PDB file of N, CA and C in Angstrom:
ATOM      1  N   ALA A   1       6.791  -7.900   1.057  1.00  0.00           N
ATOM      2  CA  ALA A   1       7.408  -7.696   2.366  1.00  0.00           C
ATOM      3  C   ALA A   1       6.376  -7.146   3.336  1.00  0.00           C
ATOM      4  N   ASP A   2       6.642  -7.306   4.591  1.00  0.00           N
ATOM      5  CA  ASP A   2       5.675  -6.896   5.604  1.00  0.00           C
ATOM      6  C   ASP A   2       5.748  -5.411   5.941  1.00  0.00           C
ATOM      7  N   GLN A   3       6.760  -4.699   5.468  1.00  0.00           N
ATOM      8  CA  GLN A   3       6.908  -3.261   5.678  1.00  0.00           C
ATOM      9  C   GLN A   3       6.904  -2.882   7.155  1.00  0.00           C
ATOM     10  N   GLY A   4       7.357  -3.787   8.011  1.00  0.00           N
ATOM     11  CA  GLY A   4       7.421  -3.492   9.435  1.00  0.00           C
ATOM     12  C   GLY A   4       6.103  -3.633  10.161  1.00  0.00           C
ATOM     13  N   ILE A   5       5.112  -4.252   9.513  1.00  0.00           N
ATOM     14  CA  ILE A   5       3.805  -4.429  10.145  1.00  0.00           C
ATOM     15  C   ILE A   5       3.884  -5.598  11.117  1.00  0.00           C
ATOM     16  N   ARG A   6       3.557  -5.322  12.371  1.00  0.00           N
ATOM     17  CA  ARG A   6       3.582  -6.345  13.417  1.00  0.00           C
ATOM     18  C   ARG A   6       2.269  -7.114  13.456  1.00  0.00           C
ATOM     19  N   SER A   7       1.145  -6.397  13.297  1.00  0.00           N
ATOM     20  CA  SER A   7      -0.159  -7.069  13.290  1.00  0.00           C
ATOM     21  C   SER A   7      -1.188  -6.198  12.587  1.00  0.00           C
ATOM     22  N   ILE A   8      -2.238  -6.852  12.115  1.00  0.00           N
ATOM     23  CA  ILE A   8      -3.394  -6.177  11.522  1.00  0.00           C
ATOM     24  C   ILE A   8      -4.608  -6.701  12.260  1.00  0.00           C
ATOM     25  N   ARG A   9      -5.437  -5.783  12.737  1.00  0.00           N
ATOM     26  CA  ARG A   9      -6.632  -6.206  13.464  1.00  0.00           C
ATOM     27  C   ARG A   9      -7.780  -5.271  13.123  1.00  0.00           C
ATOM     28  N   GLY A  10      -8.971  -5.711  13.453  1.00  0.00           N
ATOM     29  CA  GLY A  10     -10.124  -4.883  13.162  1.00  0.00           C
ATOM     30  C   GLY A  10     -11.339  -5.281  13.955  1.00  0.00           C
ATOM     31  N   MET A  11     -12.302  -4.364  13.950  1.00  0.00           N
ATOM     32  CA  MET A  11     -13.605  -4.606  14.547  1.00  0.00           C
ATOM     33  C   MET A  11     -14.603  -3.831  13.695  1.00  0.00           C
ATOM     34  N   GLY A  12     -15.586  -4.540  13.153  1.00  0.00           N
ATOM     35  CA  GLY A  12     -16.471  -3.883  12.200  1.00  0.00           C
ATOM     36  C   GLY A  12     -15.636  -3.427  11.016  1.00  0.00           C
ATOM     37  N   LEU A  13     -15.782  -2.171  10.635  1.00  0.00           N
ATOM     38  CA  LEU A  13     -14.969  -1.637   9.541  1.00  0.00           C
ATOM     39  C   LEU A  13     -13.691  -0.962  10.024  1.00  0.00           C
ATOM     40  N   MET A  14     -13.521  -0.807  11.338  1.00  0.00           N
ATOM     41  CA  MET A  14     -12.305  -0.192  11.857  1.00  0.00           C
ATOM     42  C   MET A  14     -11.131  -1.152  11.658  1.00  0.00           C
ATOM     43  N   ILE A  15     -10.057  -0.633  11.094  1.00  0.00           N
ATOM     44  CA  ILE A  15      -8.866  -1.430  10.812  1.00  0.00           C
ATOM     45  C   ILE A  15      -7.676  -0.772  11.502  1.00  0.00           C
ATOM     46  N   ALA A  16      -6.849  -1.583  12.149  1.00  0.00           N
ATOM     47  CA  ALA A  16      -5.640  -1.074  12.792  1.00  0.00           C
ATOM     48  C   ALA A  16      -4.438  -1.854  12.286  1.00  0.00           C
ATOM     49  N   LEU A  17      -3.399  -1.116  11.934  1.00  0.00           N
ATOM     50  CA  LEU A  17      -2.127  -1.711  11.520  1.00  0.00           C
ATOM     51  C   LEU A  17      -1.099  -1.342  12.583  1.00  0.00           C
ATOM     52  N   GLU A  18      -0.560  -2.336  13.260  1.00  0.00           N
ATOM     53  CA  GLU A  18       0.463  -2.075  14.273  1.00  0.00           C
ATOM     54  C   GLU A  18       1.832  -2.296  13.650  1.00  0.00           C
ATOM     55  N   PHE A  19       2.686  -1.284  13.753  1.00  0.00           N
ATOM     56  CA  PHE A  19       4.027  -1.340  13.177  1.00  0.00           C
ATOM     57  C   PHE A  19       5.062  -1.611  14.262  1.00  0.00           C
ATOM     58  N   ASP A  20       6.241  -2.048  13.840  1.00  0.00           N
ATOM     59  CA  ASP A  20       7.299  -2.350  14.799  1.00  0.00           C
ATOM     60  C   ASP A  20       8.084  -1.116  15.235  1.00  0.00           C
ATOM     61  N   LYS A  21       7.769   0.050  14.662  1.00  0.00           N
ATOM     62  CA  LYS A  21       8.389   1.308  15.081  1.00  0.00           C
ATOM     63  C   LYS A  21       7.385   2.436  14.857  1.00  0.00           C
ATOM     64  N   PRO A  22       7.638   3.627  15.380  1.00  0.00           N
ATOM     65  CA  PRO A  22       6.687   4.734  15.212  1.00  0.00           C
ATOM     66  C   PRO A  22       6.327   4.968  13.743  1.00  0.00           C
ATOM     67  N   CYS A  23       5.067   5.328  13.532  1.00  0.00           N
ATOM     68  CA  CYS A  23       4.577   5.487  12.155  1.00  0.00           C
ATOM     69  C   CYS A  23       3.789   6.782  11.968  1.00  0.00           C
ATOM     70  N   THR A  24       4.096   7.794  12.765  1.00  0.00           N
ATOM     71  CA  THR A  24       3.319   9.036  12.700  1.00  0.00           C
ATOM     72  C   THR A  24       3.372   9.707  11.330  1.00  0.00           C
ATOM     73  N   GLU A  25       4.442   9.458  10.563  1.00  0.00           N
ATOM     74  CA  GLU A  25       4.541  10.071   9.233  1.00  0.00           C
ATOM     75  C   GLU A  25       3.487   9.535   8.270  1.00  0.00           C
ATOM     76  N   LEU A  26       2.855   8.414   8.618  1.00  0.00           N
ATOM     77  CA  LEU A  26       1.819   7.847   7.749  1.00  0.00           C
ATOM     78  C   LEU A  26       0.616   8.775   7.596  1.00  0.00           C
ATOM     79  N   VAL A  27       0.354   9.613   8.587  1.00  0.00           N
ATOM     80  CA  VAL A  27      -0.800  10.516   8.502  1.00  0.00           C
ATOM     81  C   VAL A  27      -0.668  11.416   7.274  1.00  0.00           C
ATOM     82  N   SER A  28       0.488  12.052   7.109  1.00  0.00           N
ATOM     83  CA  SER A  28       0.662  12.948   5.953  1.00  0.00           C
ATOM     84  C   SER A  28       0.824  12.167   4.652  1.00  0.00           C
ATOM     85  N   LEU A  29       1.489  11.017   4.700  1.00  0.00           N
ATOM     86  CA  LEU A  29       1.616  10.197   3.488  1.00  0.00           C
ATOM     87  C   LEU A  29       0.248   9.710   3.015  1.00  0.00           C
ATOM     88  N   ALA A  30      -0.602   9.320   3.948  1.00  0.00           N
ATOM     89  CA  ALA A  30      -1.956   8.876   3.602  1.00  0.00           C
ATOM     90  C   ALA A  30      -2.772  10.033   3.040  1.00  0.00           C
ATOM     91  N   MET A  31      -2.615  11.207   3.627  1.00  0.00           N
ATOM     92  CA  MET A  31      -3.340  12.385   3.143  1.00  0.00           C
ATOM     93  C   MET A  31      -2.979  12.660   1.686  1.00  0.00           C
ATOM     94  N   ASP A  32      -1.704  12.458   1.326  1.00  0.00           N
ATOM     95  CA  ASP A  32      -1.277  12.631  -0.069  1.00  0.00           C
ATOM     96  C   ASP A  32      -2.009  11.670  -1.003  1.00  0.00           C
ATOM     97  N   GLN A  33      -2.443  10.521  -0.485  1.00  0.00           N
ATOM     98  CA  GLN A  33      -3.191   9.521  -1.261  1.00  0.00           C
ATOM     99  C   GLN A  33      -4.701   9.725  -1.154  1.00  0.00           C
ATOM    100  N   GLY A  34      -5.120  10.749  -0.398  1.00  0.00           N
ATOM    101  CA  GLY A  34      -6.547  11.005  -0.225  1.00  0.00           C
ATOM    102  C   GLY A  34      -7.184  10.186   0.881  1.00  0.00           C
ATOM    103  N   LEU A  35      -6.355   9.622   1.773  1.00  0.00           N
ATOM    104  CA  LEU A  35      -6.872   8.833   2.894  1.00  0.00           C
ATOM    105  C   LEU A  35      -6.748   9.629   4.181  1.00  0.00           C
ATOM    106  N   LEU A  36      -7.739   9.502   5.025  1.00  0.00           N
ATOM    107  CA  LEU A  36      -7.713  10.142   6.333  1.00  0.00           C
ATOM    108  C   LEU A  36      -7.541   9.043   7.374  1.00  0.00           C
ATOM    109  N   ILE A  37      -6.368   9.017   8.009  1.00  0.00           N
ATOM    110  CA  ILE A  37      -6.096   8.025   9.053  1.00  0.00           C
ATOM    111  C   ILE A  37      -5.600   8.763  10.287  1.00  0.00           C
ATOM    112  N   ASN A  38      -5.533   8.050  11.396  1.00  0.00           N
ATOM    113  CA  ASN A  38      -4.866   8.611  12.561  1.00  0.00           C
ATOM    114  C   ASN A  38      -3.925   7.571  13.131  1.00  0.00           C
ATOM    115  N   VAL A  39      -3.011   8.035  13.965  1.00  0.00           N
ATOM    116  CA  VAL A  39      -2.028   7.151  14.585  1.00  0.00           C
ATOM    117  C   VAL A  39      -2.192   7.251  16.089  1.00  0.00           C
ATOM    118  N   THR A  40      -2.255   6.095  16.734  1.00  0.00           N
ATOM    119  CA  THR A  40      -2.349   6.041  18.185  1.00  0.00           C
ATOM    120  C   THR A  40      -1.143   5.277  18.718  1.00  0.00           C
ATOM    121  N   ALA A  41      -0.757   5.575  19.941  1.00  0.00           N
ATOM    122  CA  ALA A  41       0.364   4.896  20.604  1.00  0.00           C
ATOM    123  C   ALA A  41       1.639   4.944  19.762  1.00  0.00           C
ATOM    124  N   ASP A  42       1.777   5.929  18.909  1.00  0.00           N
ATOM    125  CA  ASP A  42       2.948   6.143  18.041  1.00  0.00           C
ATOM    126  C   ASP A  42       3.185   5.088  16.970  1.00  0.00           C
ATOM    127  N   ASN A  43       2.622   3.886  17.130  1.00  0.00           N
ATOM    128  CA  ASN A  43       2.938   2.842  16.153  1.00  0.00           C
ATOM    129  C   ASN A  43       1.715   2.081  15.639  1.00  0.00           C
ATOM    130  N   VAL A  44       0.521   2.633  15.836  1.00  0.00           N
ATOM    131  CA  VAL A  44      -0.695   1.979  15.345  1.00  0.00           C
ATOM    132  C   VAL A  44      -1.446   2.953  14.438  1.00  0.00           C
ATOM    133  N   ALA A  45      -1.545   2.597  13.161  1.00  0.00           N
ATOM    134  CA  ALA A  45      -2.319   3.392  12.206  1.00  0.00           C
ATOM    135  C   ALA A  45      -3.744   2.858  12.197  1.00  0.00           C
ATOM    136  N   ARG A  46      -4.707   3.772  12.283  1.00  0.00           N
ATOM    137  CA  ARG A  46      -6.110   3.361  12.390  1.00  0.00           C
ATOM    138  C   ARG A  46      -6.924   3.999  11.273  1.00  0.00           C
ATOM    139  N   LEU A  47      -7.732   3.171  10.619  1.00  0.00           N
ATOM    140  CA  LEU A  47      -8.639   3.625   9.566  1.00  0.00           C
ATOM    141  C   LEU A  47     -10.061   3.400  10.039  1.00  0.00           C
ATOM    142  N   LEU A  48     -10.905   4.380   9.798  1.00  0.00           N
ATOM    143  CA  LEU A  48     -12.311   4.299  10.186  1.00  0.00           C
ATOM    144  C   LEU A  48     -13.187   4.635   8.983  1.00  0.00           C
ATOM    145  N   PRO A  49     -13.314   3.712   8.028  1.00  0.00           N
ATOM    146  CA  PRO A  49     -14.122   4.002   6.838  1.00  0.00           C
ATOM    147  C   PRO A  49     -15.606   4.104   7.195  1.00  0.00           C
ATOM    148  N   PRO A  50     -16.376   4.806   6.374  1.00  0.00           N
ATOM    149  CA  PRO A  50     -17.811   4.945   6.647  1.00  0.00           C
ATOM    150  C   PRO A  50     -18.547   3.611   6.513  1.00  0.00           C
ATOM    151  N   LEU A  51     -19.633   3.487   7.222  1.00  0.00           N
ATOM    152  CA  LEU A  51     -20.432   2.261   7.171  1.00  0.00           C
ATOM    153  C   LEU A  51     -21.061   2.025   5.803  1.00  0.00           C
ATOM    154  N   ILE A  52     -21.173   3.065   5.002  1.00  0.00           N
ATOM    155  CA  ILE A  52     -21.792   2.946   3.678  1.00  0.00           C
ATOM    156  C   ILE A  52     -20.745   2.720   2.579  1.00  0.00           C
ATOM    157  N   LEU A  53     -19.591   2.208   2.952  1.00  0.00           N
ATOM    158  CA  LEU A  53     -18.496   1.947   2.025  1.00  0.00           C
ATOM    159  C   LEU A  53     -18.908   0.903   0.987  1.00  0.00           C
ATOM    160  N   LYS A  54     -18.720   1.232  -0.281  1.00  0.00           N
ATOM    161  CA  LYS A  54     -19.029   0.299  -1.367  1.00  0.00           C
ATOM    162  C   LYS A  54     -17.816  -0.585  -1.644  1.00  0.00           C
ATOM    163  N   ASP A  55     -18.050  -1.729  -2.277  1.00  0.00           N
ATOM    164  CA  ASP A  55     -16.966  -2.667  -2.586  1.00  0.00           C
ATOM    165  C   ASP A  55     -15.853  -2.002  -3.393  1.00  0.00           C
ATOM    166  N   GLU A  56     -16.225  -1.205  -4.394  1.00  0.00           N
ATOM    167  CA  GLU A  56     -15.226  -0.541  -5.232  1.00  0.00           C
ATOM    168  C   GLU A  56     -14.396   0.432  -4.406  1.00  0.00           C
ATOM    169  N   GLU A  57     -15.046   1.124  -3.473  1.00  0.00           N
ATOM    170  CA  GLU A  57     -14.339   2.069  -2.613  1.00  0.00           C
ATOM    171  C   GLU A  57     -13.391   1.334  -1.667  1.00  0.00           C
ATOM    172  N   ALA A  58     -13.815   0.169  -1.188  1.00  0.00           N
ATOM    173  CA  ALA A  58     -12.958  -0.637  -0.311  1.00  0.00           C
ATOM    174  C   ALA A  58     -11.715  -1.097  -1.070  1.00  0.00           C
ATOM    175  N   ASP A  59     -11.893  -1.514  -2.319  1.00  0.00           N
ATOM    176  CA  ASP A  59     -10.754  -1.932  -3.144  1.00  0.00           C
ATOM    177  C   ASP A  59      -9.775  -0.775  -3.342  1.00  0.00           C
ATOM    178  N   LEU A  60     -10.306   0.407  -3.624  1.00  0.00           N
ATOM    179  CA  LEU A  60      -9.468   1.586  -3.821  1.00  0.00           C
ATOM    180  C   LEU A  60      -8.750   1.958  -2.524  1.00  0.00           C
ATOM    181  N   LEU A  61      -9.442   1.863  -1.407  1.00  0.00           N
ATOM    182  CA  LEU A  61      -8.840   2.150  -0.109  1.00  0.00           C
ATOM    183  C   LEU A  61      -7.639   1.239   0.139  1.00  0.00           C
ATOM    184  N   VAL A  62      -7.796  -0.047  -0.135  1.00  0.00           N
ATOM    185  CA  VAL A  62      -6.703  -1.005   0.073  1.00  0.00           C
ATOM    186  C   VAL A  62      -5.526  -0.667  -0.842  1.00  0.00           C
ATOM    187  N   GLN A  63      -5.794  -0.358  -2.104  1.00  0.00           N
ATOM    188  CA  GLN A  63      -4.719  -0.001  -3.034  1.00  0.00           C
ATOM    189  C   GLN A  63      -3.948   1.217  -2.537  1.00  0.00           C
ATOM    190  N   LYS A  64      -4.683   2.234  -2.099  1.00  0.00           N
ATOM    191  CA  LYS A  64      -4.041   3.455  -1.613  1.00  0.00           C
ATOM    192  C   LYS A  64      -3.291   3.210  -0.311  1.00  0.00           C
ATOM    193  N   LEU A  65      -3.831   2.367   0.533  1.00  0.00           N
ATOM    194  CA  LEU A  65      -3.160   2.050   1.790  1.00  0.00           C
ATOM    195  C   LEU A  65      -1.843   1.320   1.533  1.00  0.00           C
ATOM    196  N   VAL A  66      -1.852   0.376   0.609  1.00  0.00           N
ATOM    197  CA  VAL A  66      -0.624  -0.344   0.250  1.00  0.00           C
ATOM    198  C   VAL A  66       0.414   0.638  -0.290  1.00  0.00           C
ATOM    199  N   THR A  67      -0.002   1.532  -1.177  1.00  0.00           N
ATOM    200  CA  THR A  67       0.907   2.543  -1.724  1.00  0.00           C
ATOM    201  C   THR A  67       1.487   3.403  -0.611  1.00  0.00           C
ATOM    202  N   THR A  68       0.641   3.805   0.325  1.00  0.00           N
ATOM    203  CA  THR A  68       1.076   4.649   1.440  1.00  0.00           C
ATOM    204  C   THR A  68       2.104   3.939   2.305  1.00  0.00           C
ATOM    205  N   VAL A  69       1.815   2.715   2.686  1.00  0.00           N
ATOM    206  CA  VAL A  69       2.727   1.972   3.563  1.00  0.00           C
ATOM    207  C   VAL A  69       4.052   1.705   2.849  1.00  0.00           C
ATOM    208  N   ARG A  70       4.000   1.371   1.591  1.00  0.00           N
ATOM    209  CA  ARG A  70       5.237   1.102   0.835  1.00  0.00           C
ATOM    210  C   ARG A  70       6.075   2.362   0.653  1.00  0.00           C
ATOM    211  N   SER A  71       5.427   3.521   0.547  1.00  0.00           N
ATOM    212  CA  SER A  71       6.165   4.769   0.340  1.00  0.00           C
ATOM    213  C   SER A  71       6.939   5.182   1.584  1.00  0.00           C
ATOM    214  N   ARG A  72       6.637   4.546   2.681  1.00  0.00           N
ATOM    215  CA  ARG A  72       7.280   4.841   3.959  1.00  0.00           C
ATOM    216  C   ARG A  72       8.757   4.441   3.952  1.00  0.00           C
ATOM    217  N   GLY A  73       9.099   3.497   3.096  1.00  0.00           N
ATOM    218  CA  GLY A  73      10.498   3.124   2.981  1.00  0.00           C
ATOM    219  C   GLY A  73      10.943   1.968   3.739  1.00  0.00           C
TER     220      GLY A  73
END
């Protein structure tokens, strides 16, 4: 399921997930998974991974992000 995601976009390593409703609770849910994200415009979650991100770390980031978004309900 799309979990209310309206769009996914990025530039470089910056990734933005736009939701169809406010998603500010994702900040604390992501922190529980060890991810540091921020929310802009109430409905856009933004990730800014380091430029030295390894492939294994990127895979783990995606797994944790999926878990975080799904835990939102």
